[in-house]
Amino acid sequence: MRKLDSNIKEFLHQGTVIPAHPLALNQDMSIDENKQRLLTKYYMASGAGGVAVGVHTTQFEIRKPEINLLEPVLRMAAEEIDKAALTHPFIKVAGICGPAEQAIKEAELAVKYGYHLGLVSMGGLSTYSEAELIKRIEAVSKIIPVFGFYLQPAVGGRILSYDFWRAFAEIPNVEGIKVAAFNRYQTLDVVRAVCDSFRRDEIALYTGNDDNIVADLLTPYRFTIDNQLIEKRFVGGLLGHWAVWTTGAVQLLNEVKNCIANDYAGAEKLLAKGIAVTDMNAVIFDAANSFKGCIAGIHEVLRRQGLRDGTWCLSKEEKLSPGQAEDIDRIYKMYVPFTDDAFVNNFIQQSM
């Protein structure tokens, strides 16, 4: 069983910014290798502490045999990270999907390219019982340390019970859980299940609730278990939202950490920022249209910044919704301090 390196584990538990890595395509749907590598370099330059590749934001369609881009995107990101002169650990997370046989092969591929953790999705497995899902996770965990992934149903996930997450937390090689349920009740199920587990201190919680980022990071979750008060927090985020304006995400997480360390001084200001971030996310992720344009929205911001050439997605259904581009204009004007276009422009100039 491959275990998580102690330095990576400590860094994971300290809490960091982990953007979900998009896919850079040419108009003919081939991969734009230069822009794909440029994105990875941007996340490192921005101060992020890791990157998740082959996940929902990278587009699940990369696994289709006729597309076959999972290995190339994992390889390119790993190559850029491994040759970078970083002064801190950088967490490589590989997305893992599909039935048990497929998930095991993807875990082996992630190990091949030196990924530290596998972000294991439970989406698309409607015929699996929760007990079967647990067996699948156990099989993957024997190959690579596991980062759990609660993906919201609107984009392909499924609702999972408290009992599922309680059993999930007991799996020895589970190191983290990303909660992207976009739902307070379901988020609470996961946190309470982890707190009920004897492994509660071994599992790092990361918010994937792009609609509730700041509140997730500020909130202490407290439960009385066996007459003992147990507290658990989201220490960082693994987010599609943080695939854009990433330097702002790094600054925001640092502000949250400082706020908590100083007895919540400045919490009101941060909560106000949280509303701004959610407003921005509603536009980028196309919440008004059931998230149909969520990946294209990320691409549009990156296109405007020069980090990719278009908003092309592998699925014809993934495109900007009517009015979404105009809404992006609005949030750009309204929330200038939350963007990082000047940083990106300088980064691109230095990368040429």
Protein backbone atom coordinates (compact mmCIF):
# COMPACT_ATOMS: atom_id res chain seq x y z
CA MET A 1 0.00 0.00 0.00
CA ARG A 2 1.49 3.32 -1.10
CA LYS A 3 1.41 5.84 1.77
CA LEU A 4 1.36 9.61 1.64
CA ASP A 5 4.76 11.27 2.08
CA SER A 6 4.97 12.87 5.53
CA ASN A 7 5.85 16.33 4.13
CA ILE A 8 2.91 16.23 1.73
CA LYS A 9 0.61 15.01 4.50
CA GLU A 10 1.63 17.82 6.83
CA PHE A 11 1.18 20.39 4.05
CA LEU A 12 -2.23 18.93 3.17
CA HIS A 13 -3.39 19.26 6.78
CA GLN A 14 -2.10 22.81 7.09
CA GLY A 15 -4.51 23.73 4.31
CA THR A 16 -3.74 25.07 0.87
CA VAL A 17 -5.18 26.18 -2.47
CA ILE A 18 -5.64 23.35 -4.96
CA PRO A 19 -7.13 24.50 -8.29
CA ALA A 20 -8.99 21.98 -10.43
CA HIS A 21 -6.99 21.99 -13.67
CA PRO A 22 -8.89 22.84 -16.88
CA LEU A 23 -8.23 21.34 -20.31
CA ALA A 24 -6.74 23.60 -23.00
CA LEU A 25 -8.01 22.68 -26.44
CA ASN A 26 -7.50 23.87 -29.98
CA GLN A 27 -10.56 24.56 -32.09
CA ASP A 28 -10.23 21.13 -33.72
CA MET A 29 -10.57 19.53 -30.26
CA SER A 30 -6.91 18.47 -30.12
CA ILE A 31 -5.02 19.37 -26.97
CA ASP A 32 -3.13 22.67 -26.99
CA GLU A 33 0.01 21.40 -25.25
CA ASN A 34 1.62 24.82 -24.87
CA LYS A 35 -1.42 26.32 -23.17
CA GLN A 36 -1.99 23.16 -21.11
CA ARG A 37 1.52 23.43 -19.70
CA LEU A 38 1.18 27.20 -19.31
CA LEU A 39 -1.86 26.69 -17.06
CA THR A 40 0.10 24.37 -14.78
CA LYS A 41 2.91 26.92 -14.58
CA TYR A 42 0.39 29.66 -13.77
CA TYR A 43 -0.98 27.72 -10.80
CA MET A 44 2.50 27.22 -9.42
CA ALA A 45 3.45 30.86 -10.00
CA SER A 46 0.24 32.03 -8.31
CA GLY A 47 1.24 30.44 -5.01
CA ALA A 48 -1.16 27.50 -5.11
CA GLY A 49 -0.15 24.46 -3.09
CA GLY A 50 -1.22 21.81 -5.53
CA VAL A 51 -3.33 21.01 -8.55
CA ALA A 52 -6.00 18.42 -9.35
CA VAL A 53 -5.83 16.96 -12.86
CA GLY A 54 -8.29 14.69 -14.64
CA VAL A 55 -11.21 15.91 -12.53
CA HIS A 56 -14.61 17.39 -13.47
CA THR A 57 -13.04 20.72 -14.51
CA THR A 58 -10.62 18.82 -16.78
CA GLN A 59 -13.74 17.27 -18.40
CA PHE A 60 -14.67 13.66 -17.75
CA GLU A 61 -14.84 13.10 -21.54
CA ILE A 62 -11.03 12.89 -21.68
CA ARG A 63 -11.50 9.21 -20.74
CA LYS A 64 -13.48 8.29 -23.85
CA PRO A 65 -11.44 5.90 -26.04
CA GLU A 66 -11.86 8.12 -29.10
CA ILE A 67 -10.46 11.10 -27.13
CA ASN A 68 -7.93 9.36 -24.86
CA LEU A 69 -6.46 12.43 -23.16
CA LEU A 70 -6.31 11.29 -19.54
CA GLU A 71 -2.72 10.09 -19.67
CA PRO A 72 -1.42 13.11 -21.63
CA VAL A 73 -2.90 15.65 -19.19
CA LEU A 74 -1.61 13.74 -16.17
CA ARG A 75 1.82 13.46 -17.75
CA MET A 76 2.10 17.11 -18.82
CA ALA A 77 1.13 18.49 -15.42
CA ALA A 78 3.48 16.11 -13.62
CA GLU A 79 6.38 17.04 -15.90
CA GLU A 80 5.90 20.77 -15.30
CA ILE A 81 5.59 20.32 -11.54
CA ASP A 82 8.56 17.98 -11.25
CA LYS A 83 10.92 20.33 -13.09
CA ALA A 84 9.80 23.48 -11.26
CA ALA A 85 12.04 24.98 -8.57
CA LEU A 86 9.41 25.31 -5.84
CA THR A 87 10.19 26.36 -2.27
CA HIS A 88 7.26 24.47 -0.74
CA PRO A 89 5.57 21.10 -1.28
CA PHE A 90 3.18 20.89 -4.22
CA ILE A 91 0.39 18.34 -4.03
CA LYS A 92 -0.36 16.38 -7.18
CA VAL A 93 -3.93 15.06 -7.20
CA ALA A 94 -5.21 12.81 -9.99
CA GLY A 95 -8.89 12.39 -10.73
CA ILE A 96 -10.13 8.78 -10.64
CA CYS A 97 -13.49 7.75 -12.07
CA GLY A 98 -15.58 4.84 -13.27
CA PRO A 99 -16.32 1.28 -12.18
CA ALA A 100 -13.83 -0.54 -9.98
CA GLU A 101 -11.77 -2.00 -12.83
CA GLN A 102 -11.42 1.40 -14.52
CA ALA A 103 -10.72 3.17 -11.22
CA ILE A 104 -7.92 0.74 -10.40
CA LYS A 105 -6.29 1.32 -13.80
CA GLU A 106 -6.54 5.09 -13.35
CA ALA A 107 -4.99 4.80 -9.89
CA GLU A 108 -2.08 2.86 -11.37
CA LEU A 109 -1.69 5.54 -14.05
CA ALA A 110 -1.61 8.24 -11.38
CA VAL A 111 1.11 6.38 -9.50
CA LYS A 112 3.08 6.03 -12.73
CA TYR A 113 3.31 9.81 -12.98
CA GLY A 114 4.06 10.39 -9.32
CA TYR A 115 0.72 11.72 -8.13
CA HIS A 116 0.35 11.84 -4.37
CA LEU A 117 -3.41 11.34 -4.10
CA GLY A 118 -6.30 10.03 -6.13
CA LEU A 119 -9.49 12.14 -6.05
CA VAL A 120 -12.04 9.34 -6.38
CA SER A 121 -15.42 10.31 -7.79
CA MET A 122 -18.56 8.36 -6.96
CA GLY A 123 -20.43 9.83 -9.92
CA GLY A 124 -21.86 7.79 -12.78
CA LEU A 125 -22.21 4.63 -10.71
CA SER A 126 -25.95 4.55 -10.11
CA THR A 127 -26.04 0.75 -10.17
CA TYR A 128 -23.54 0.51 -7.32
CA SER A 129 -24.82 0.19 -3.78
CA GLU A 130 -23.04 2.23 -1.12
CA ALA A 131 -21.41 -0.97 0.14
CA GLU A 132 -20.09 -1.65 -3.37
CA LEU A 133 -18.77 1.90 -3.57
CA ILE A 134 -16.86 1.34 -0.33
CA LYS A 135 -15.29 -1.85 -1.70
CA ARG A 136 -14.25 0.10 -4.80
CA ILE A 137 -12.60 2.78 -2.64
CA GLU A 138 -10.82 0.11 -0.62
CA ALA A 139 -9.42 -1.38 -3.83
CA VAL A 140 -8.17 2.01 -5.05
CA SER A 141 -6.68 2.83 -1.63
CA LYS A 142 -4.38 -0.18 -1.92
CA ILE A 143 -2.76 1.53 -4.90
CA ILE A 144 -2.76 5.23 -4.02
CA PRO A 145 -3.79 7.39 -1.04
CA VAL A 146 -7.38 8.50 -1.48
CA PHE A 147 -8.95 11.94 -1.57
CA GLY A 148 -12.71 11.47 -1.28
CA PHE A 149 -14.96 13.46 -3.60
CA TYR A 150 -18.58 14.35 -2.92
CA LEU A 151 -19.70 15.74 -6.28
CA GLN A 152 -23.05 17.50 -6.50
CA PRO A 153 -25.80 15.68 -8.45
CA ALA A 154 -26.32 18.63 -10.84
CA VAL A 155 -23.03 17.84 -12.58
CA GLY A 156 -23.01 14.05 -12.37
CA GLY A 157 -22.64 13.19 -8.69
CA ARG A 158 -25.01 11.29 -6.43
CA ILE A 159 -26.34 11.76 -2.92
CA LEU A 160 -24.53 9.62 -0.35
CA SER A 161 -25.60 8.90 3.22
CA TYR A 162 -23.97 9.65 6.54
CA ASP A 163 -23.41 5.89 6.92
CA PHE A 164 -21.49 5.83 3.65
CA TRP A 165 -19.15 8.60 4.77
CA ARG A 166 -18.76 7.00 8.19
CA ALA A 167 -17.55 3.77 6.54
CA PHE A 168 -15.47 5.79 4.08
CA ALA A 169 -13.60 7.55 6.91
CA GLU A 170 -12.56 4.21 8.40
CA ILE A 171 -10.57 3.19 5.29
CA PRO A 172 -6.90 3.38 6.38
CA ASN A 173 -5.46 5.09 3.30
CA VAL A 174 -8.11 7.83 3.02
CA GLU A 175 -6.20 11.08 3.58
CA GLY A 176 -8.68 13.77 2.60
CA ILE A 177 -12.22 14.48 1.48
CA LYS A 178 -13.37 17.18 -0.90
CA VAL A 179 -16.98 18.13 -0.22
CA ALA A 180 -18.61 19.59 -3.33
CA ALA A 181 -22.20 18.78 -2.48
CA PHE A 182 -23.32 22.43 -2.79
CA ASN A 183 -25.72 21.56 0.03
CA ARG A 184 -25.47 22.32 3.76
CA TYR A 185 -27.22 19.14 4.90
CA GLN A 186 -25.02 16.85 2.81
CA THR A 187 -21.89 18.76 3.79
CA LEU A 188 -22.85 18.28 7.43
CA ASP A 189 -23.26 14.52 6.87
CA VAL A 190 -19.62 14.25 5.77
CA VAL A 191 -18.14 16.36 8.53
CA ARG A 192 -20.13 14.62 11.28
CA ALA A 193 -19.18 11.21 9.86
CA VAL A 194 -15.49 12.12 9.94
CA CYS A 195 -15.80 13.47 13.49
CA ASP A 196 -17.44 10.19 14.55
CA SER A 197 -14.51 8.22 13.13
CA PHE A 198 -11.42 7.22 15.10
CA ARG A 199 -9.49 8.52 12.07
CA ARG A 200 -10.88 12.05 12.43
CA ASP A 201 -7.41 13.56 12.92
CA GLU A 202 -5.99 11.66 9.94
CA ILE A 203 -8.39 13.12 7.36
CA ALA A 204 -8.07 16.64 5.95
CA LEU A 205 -11.31 18.29 4.84
CA TYR A 206 -11.26 20.50 1.74
CA THR A 207 -14.16 22.56 0.52
CA GLY A 208 -15.37 21.96 -3.00
CA ASN A 209 -18.52 23.97 -2.33
CA ASP A 210 -17.71 26.75 -4.78
CA ASP A 211 -20.93 28.51 -3.75
CA ASN A 212 -19.89 28.71 -0.08
CA ILE A 213 -16.09 28.94 -0.03
CA VAL A 214 -15.44 31.55 2.64
CA ALA A 215 -18.11 30.36 5.06
CA ASP A 216 -16.85 26.77 4.77
CA LEU A 217 -13.31 27.89 5.58
CA LEU A 218 -14.34 30.07 8.53
CA THR A 219 -16.78 27.68 10.19
CA PRO A 220 -15.80 25.37 13.07
CA TYR A 221 -17.90 22.20 13.00
CA ARG A 222 -18.43 20.98 16.57
CA PHE A 223 -20.11 17.82 17.81
CA THR A 224 -20.34 16.20 21.24
CA ILE A 225 -19.24 12.58 20.77
CA ASP A 226 -18.91 10.24 23.77
CA ASN A 227 -19.11 13.26 26.08
CA GLN A 228 -16.20 14.91 24.26
CA LEU A 229 -16.44 18.08 22.15
CA ILE A 230 -14.96 17.33 18.72
CA GLU A 231 -14.12 20.11 16.30
CA LYS A 232 -13.29 19.80 12.60
CA ARG A 233 -12.61 22.45 9.97
CA PHE A 234 -12.19 22.76 6.24
CA VAL A 235 -8.52 23.63 6.03
CA GLY A 236 -8.32 24.48 2.33
CA GLY A 237 -10.09 24.15 -0.97
CA LEU A 238 -9.92 21.96 -4.04
CA LEU A 239 -12.04 24.01 -6.37
CA GLY A 240 -12.96 24.65 -9.96
CA HIS A 241 -13.55 28.27 -8.98
CA TRP A 242 -9.92 28.53 -7.95
CA ALA A 243 -8.86 27.59 -11.50
CA VAL A 244 -9.29 31.31 -12.28
CA TRP A 245 -7.97 34.38 -10.46
CA THR A 246 -5.84 31.98 -8.43
CA THR A 247 -3.59 34.58 -6.81
CA GLY A 248 -6.73 36.04 -5.23
CA ALA A 249 -7.64 32.58 -3.89
CA VAL A 250 -4.22 32.26 -2.26
CA GLN A 251 -4.60 35.68 -0.65
CA LEU A 252 -8.13 34.83 0.50
CA LEU A 253 -7.09 31.59 2.20
CA ASN A 254 -4.27 33.40 3.98
CA GLU A 255 -6.74 36.04 5.18
CA VAL A 256 -9.03 33.32 6.52
CA LYS A 257 -6.17 31.62 8.37
CA ASN A 258 -5.08 34.94 9.91
CA CYS A 259 -8.65 35.72 10.91
CA ILE A 260 -9.06 32.42 12.75
CA ALA A 261 -5.64 32.75 14.39
CA ASN A 262 -6.61 36.20 15.68
CA ASP A 263 -9.90 35.20 17.32
CA TYR A 264 -11.94 35.98 14.21
CA ALA A 265 -10.86 39.60 13.95
CA GLY A 266 -12.04 40.80 10.54
CA ALA A 267 -14.61 38.01 10.12
CA GLU A 268 -17.34 40.42 8.99
CA LYS A 269 -15.12 41.72 6.20
CA LEU A 270 -14.34 38.18 5.10
CA LEU A 271 -17.98 37.14 5.11
CA ALA A 272 -18.74 40.12 2.88
CA LYS A 273 -15.96 38.95 0.56
CA GLY A 274 -17.60 35.53 0.62
CA ILE A 275 -20.78 37.01 -0.85
CA ALA A 276 -18.76 38.62 -3.61
CA VAL A 277 -17.00 35.33 -4.34
CA THR A 278 -20.33 33.50 -4.49
CA ASP A 279 -21.74 36.12 -6.86
CA MET A 280 -18.73 35.66 -9.12
CA ASN A 281 -19.08 31.89 -8.91
CA ALA A 282 -22.77 32.00 -9.80
CA VAL A 283 -21.81 33.66 -13.08
CA ILE A 284 -18.74 31.58 -13.92
CA PHE A 285 -20.49 28.32 -13.08
CA ASP A 286 -23.74 29.36 -14.76
CA ALA A 287 -25.89 28.59 -11.74
CA ALA A 288 -28.89 30.25 -13.40
CA ASN A 289 -28.88 27.49 -16.02
CA SER A 290 -28.23 24.49 -13.76
CA PHE A 291 -24.45 24.77 -14.27
CA LYS A 292 -24.61 23.99 -18.00
CA GLY A 293 -21.91 26.55 -18.72
CA CYS A 294 -19.70 25.94 -15.69
CA ILE A 295 -16.65 24.64 -17.54
CA ALA A 296 -17.06 27.06 -20.43
CA GLY A 297 -17.32 29.91 -17.91
CA ILE A 298 -13.93 29.00 -16.47
CA HIS A 299 -12.54 28.82 -20.00
CA GLU A 300 -13.94 32.25 -20.86
CA VAL A 301 -12.11 33.92 -17.98
CA LEU A 302 -8.88 32.13 -18.91
CA ARG A 303 -9.39 33.14 -22.56
CA ARG A 304 -9.79 36.78 -21.63
CA GLN A 305 -6.57 36.57 -19.63
CA GLY A 306 -4.64 34.98 -22.49
CA LEU A 307 -4.14 31.63 -20.75
CA ARG A 308 -6.04 29.81 -23.47
CA ASP A 309 -7.29 30.64 -26.96
CA GLY A 310 -10.97 29.69 -26.78
CA THR A 311 -13.75 28.20 -24.69
CA TRP A 312 -13.93 24.93 -26.62
CA CYS A 313 -15.06 21.87 -24.68
CA LEU A 314 -15.12 18.21 -25.63
CA SER A 315 -18.88 18.00 -25.18
CA LYS A 316 -21.06 20.05 -27.51
CA GLU A 317 -23.37 20.60 -24.55
CA GLU A 318 -20.62 22.44 -22.65
CA LYS A 319 -20.75 26.04 -23.84
CA LEU A 320 -21.49 29.51 -22.58
CA SER A 321 -25.19 30.05 -21.94
CA PRO A 322 -26.99 33.05 -23.47
CA GLY A 323 -26.09 36.12 -21.45
CA GLN A 324 -23.26 34.43 -19.52
CA ALA A 325 -20.52 36.43 -21.25
CA GLU A 326 -22.34 39.66 -20.39
CA ASP A 327 -22.63 38.52 -16.78
CA ILE A 328 -18.87 37.91 -16.74
CA ASP A 329 -18.48 41.51 -17.93
CA ARG A 330 -20.54 42.59 -14.90
CA ILE A 331 -18.53 40.72 -12.29
CA TYR A 332 -15.28 41.91 -13.85
CA LYS A 333 -16.41 45.51 -13.37
CA MET A 334 -17.93 44.95 -9.93
CA TYR A 335 -15.14 42.90 -8.35
CA VAL A 336 -11.87 44.23 -9.78
CA PRO A 337 -9.86 43.52 -6.57
CA PHE A 338 -10.79 39.83 -6.85
CA THR A 339 -9.25 39.41 -10.30
CA ASP A 340 -5.58 38.94 -11.16
CA ASP A 341 -5.32 40.00 -14.79
CA ALA A 342 -2.26 42.19 -14.21
CA PHE A 343 -0.44 39.29 -12.53
CA VAL A 344 -1.40 36.94 -15.39
CA ASN A 345 -0.28 39.41 -18.04
CA ASN A 346 3.11 39.76 -16.36
CA PHE A 347 3.35 35.99 -15.94
CA ILE A 348 2.63 35.38 -19.63
CA GLN A 349 5.20 37.99 -20.69
CA GLN A 350 7.85 36.32 -18.53
CA SER A 351 6.90 32.89 -19.90
CA MET A 352 7.37 33.86 -23.56
